[in-house]
Each structure stands twice: as structure tokens, then as C-alpha cells.
Amino acid sequence: MIEKSVQIKLEGGLEARPVAVLVQVASQYDSSVYIQSDNKKVNAKSIMGMMGLGLAMGQTVTVVADGNDEEAAVAGIEGFLSGNQ
């Protein structure tokens, strides 16, 4: 299991469309992928869960992945949240 803090650099934060894309990115990986914000930890492959976090640009979250491709999963999520995809 690995964890990495990532700052959200998507203009407008994680609204409906970016959440849908994030879920698609997370779903590419076999690993379990979670986004943690404050005391909430949500499955990154769940649209409803991710919408419930209401994440804004500039916020820092922790990306947690556990599985055989966990490093690639964290890198992929970080790339998306950083606006590099």
C-alpha cells in the first residue's frame, strides 16, 4: 500500500465531469484506489462517493492505492489531479 499527498490543480475543482474522468482513470487499475480528504476516505472508482467529497481547486488530498499496480495507480491519479492529463 502506498499513499501520496496531491494538490488539486483542476480549475473548478472536482465537479461532475472531472469526477467522471477521475473514476475512469482510477478504474483502469486493478489496485484498490482511495481518495482521502480530512477524515473521509472514498473509493476513487465510485462516482457517488467522489461527488460527495466536494473537492475544490487548491485542496490537498491523499491518494491511497493497494495492489499489484499501486504505483502506476497513484501516478495516474496524481497526473489527473495535477492537470497533467
C-alpha atoms as a PDB file:
ATOM      1  CA  MET A   1       0.000   0.000   0.000  1.00  0.00           C
ATOM      2  CA  ILE A   2       1.262   3.462  -0.848  1.00  0.00           C
ATOM      3  CA  GLU A   3      -0.037   6.932  -0.042  1.00  0.00           C
ATOM      4  CA  LYS A   4       0.763  10.282  -1.613  1.00  0.00           C
ATOM      5  CA  SER A   5      -0.459  13.802  -0.908  1.00  0.00           C
ATOM      6  CA  VAL A   6      -1.611  15.597  -4.045  1.00  0.00           C
ATOM      7  CA  GLN A   7      -2.855  19.145  -4.537  1.00  0.00           C
ATOM      8  CA  ILE A   8      -5.854  19.512  -6.839  1.00  0.00           C
ATOM      9  CA  LYS A   9      -4.930  21.840  -9.683  1.00  0.00           C
ATOM     10  CA  LEU A  10      -8.043  21.372 -11.813  1.00  0.00           C
ATOM     11  CA  GLU A  11      -9.765  24.692 -12.379  1.00  0.00           C
ATOM     12  CA  GLY A  12     -13.219  24.424 -10.883  1.00  0.00           C
ATOM     13  CA  GLY A  13     -12.201  21.516  -8.661  1.00  0.00           C
ATOM     14  CA  LEU A  14     -13.911  18.169  -8.966  1.00  0.00           C
ATOM     15  CA  GLU A  15     -17.328  18.843 -10.412  1.00  0.00           C
ATOM     16  CA  ALA A  16     -19.395  16.257 -12.300  1.00  0.00           C
ATOM     17  CA  ARG A  17     -17.304  15.956 -15.480  1.00  0.00           C
ATOM     18  CA  PRO A  18     -13.874  15.846 -13.785  1.00  0.00           C
ATOM     19  CA  VAL A  19     -15.193  13.323 -11.249  1.00  0.00           C
ATOM     20  CA  ALA A  20     -16.395  11.087 -14.088  1.00  0.00           C
ATOM     21  CA  VAL A  21     -12.952  11.277 -15.712  1.00  0.00           C
ATOM     22  CA  LEU A  22     -11.211  10.602 -12.389  1.00  0.00           C
ATOM     23  CA  VAL A  23     -13.347   7.485 -11.891  1.00  0.00           C
ATOM     24  CA  GLN A  24     -12.397   6.331 -15.410  1.00  0.00           C
ATOM     25  CA  VAL A  25      -8.709   6.873 -14.639  1.00  0.00           C
ATOM     26  CA  ALA A  26      -8.957   5.003 -11.327  1.00  0.00           C
ATOM     27  CA  SER A  27     -10.906   2.152 -12.943  1.00  0.00           C
ATOM     28  CA  GLN A  28      -8.006   1.419 -15.320  1.00  0.00           C
ATOM     29  CA  TYR A  29      -6.062  -0.078 -12.424  1.00  0.00           C
ATOM     30  CA  ASP A  30      -6.517  -3.399 -10.659  1.00  0.00           C
ATOM     31  CA  SER A  31      -5.451  -1.891  -7.326  1.00  0.00           C
ATOM     32  CA  SER A  32      -7.900  -0.526  -4.793  1.00  0.00           C
ATOM     33  CA  VAL A  33      -7.691   3.260  -5.062  1.00  0.00           C
ATOM     34  CA  TYR A  34      -8.990   5.706  -2.463  1.00  0.00           C
ATOM     35  CA  ILE A  35      -9.039   9.471  -2.100  1.00  0.00           C
ATOM     36  CA  GLN A  36      -8.782  10.739   1.452  1.00  0.00           C
ATOM     37  CA  SER A  37      -9.763  14.268   2.444  1.00  0.00           C
ATOM     38  CA  ASP A  38      -9.859  15.310   6.081  1.00  0.00           C
ATOM     39  CA  ASN A  39     -11.497  12.368   7.856  1.00  0.00           C
ATOM     40  CA  LYS A  40     -13.291  10.965   4.775  1.00  0.00           C
ATOM     41  CA  LYS A  41     -11.887   8.117   2.686  1.00  0.00           C
ATOM     42  CA  VAL A  42     -13.716   7.325  -0.546  1.00  0.00           C
ATOM     43  CA  ASN A  43     -13.286   4.696  -3.243  1.00  0.00           C
ATOM     44  CA  ALA A  44     -11.914   6.600  -6.277  1.00  0.00           C
ATOM     45  CA  LYS A  45     -13.831   4.210  -8.550  1.00  0.00           C
ATOM     46  CA  SER A  46     -17.180   5.394  -7.127  1.00  0.00           C
ATOM     47  CA  ILE A  47     -18.787   8.393  -8.841  1.00  0.00           C
ATOM     48  CA  MET A  48     -21.244   8.966  -5.989  1.00  0.00           C
ATOM     49  CA  GLY A  49     -18.529   8.695  -3.361  1.00  0.00           C
ATOM     50  CA  MET A  50     -16.250  11.124  -5.169  1.00  0.00           C
ATOM     51  CA  MET A  51     -19.069  13.636  -5.738  1.00  0.00           C
ATOM     52  CA  GLY A  52     -19.757  13.524  -2.007  1.00  0.00           C
ATOM     53  CA  LEU A  53     -16.269  14.836  -1.202  1.00  0.00           C
ATOM     54  CA  GLY A  54     -16.911  18.162  -2.960  1.00  0.00           C
ATOM     55  CA  LEU A  55     -13.227  18.803  -3.631  1.00  0.00           C
ATOM     56  CA  ALA A  56     -12.092  22.258  -4.753  1.00  0.00           C
ATOM     57  CA  MET A  57      -9.061  23.550  -6.623  1.00  0.00           C
ATOM     58  CA  GLY A  58      -6.134  24.078  -4.265  1.00  0.00           C
ATOM     59  CA  GLN A  59      -7.239  21.428  -1.793  1.00  0.00           C
ATOM     60  CA  THR A  60      -4.760  18.715  -0.851  1.00  0.00           C
ATOM     61  CA  VAL A  61      -5.908  15.099  -0.726  1.00  0.00           C
ATOM     62  CA  THR A  62      -4.172  11.810  -0.026  1.00  0.00           C
ATOM     63  CA  VAL A  63      -4.253   9.201  -2.772  1.00  0.00           C
ATOM     64  CA  VAL A  64      -4.072   5.670  -1.364  1.00  0.00           C
ATOM     65  CA  ALA A  65      -3.575   2.599  -3.540  1.00  0.00           C
ATOM     66  CA  ASP A  66      -3.129  -1.050  -2.659  1.00  0.00           C
ATOM     67  CA  GLY A  67      -2.489  -3.806  -5.186  1.00  0.00           C
ATOM     68  CA  ASN A  68      -0.202  -5.081  -7.896  1.00  0.00           C
ATOM     69  CA  ASP A  69      -0.211  -1.804  -9.881  1.00  0.00           C
ATOM     70  CA  GLU A  70      -0.450   0.602  -6.935  1.00  0.00           C
ATOM     71  CA  GLU A  71       2.474   2.791  -8.039  1.00  0.00           C
ATOM     72  CA  ALA A  72       1.012   3.273 -11.505  1.00  0.00           C
ATOM     73  CA  ALA A  73      -2.413   3.969  -9.983  1.00  0.00           C
ATOM     74  CA  VAL A  74      -1.101   6.700  -7.694  1.00  0.00           C
ATOM     75  CA  ALA A  75       0.915   8.214 -10.546  1.00  0.00           C
ATOM     76  CA  GLY A  76      -2.140   8.193 -12.837  1.00  0.00           C
ATOM     77  CA  ILE A  77      -4.416   9.820 -10.258  1.00  0.00           C
ATOM     78  CA  GLU A  78      -1.750  12.365  -9.367  1.00  0.00           C
ATOM     79  CA  GLY A  79      -1.290  13.229 -13.030  1.00  0.00           C
ATOM     80  CA  PHE A  80      -5.007  13.808 -13.476  1.00  0.00           C
ATOM     81  CA  LEU A  81      -5.495  15.857 -10.297  1.00  0.00           C
ATOM     82  CA  SER A  82      -2.430  17.946 -11.150  1.00  0.00           C
ATOM     83  CA  GLY A  83      -3.900  18.803 -14.554  1.00  0.00           C
ATOM     84  CA  ASN A  84      -1.206  16.902 -16.440  1.00  0.00           C
ATOM     85  CA  GLN A  85      -3.522  14.596 -18.385  1.00  0.00           C
END
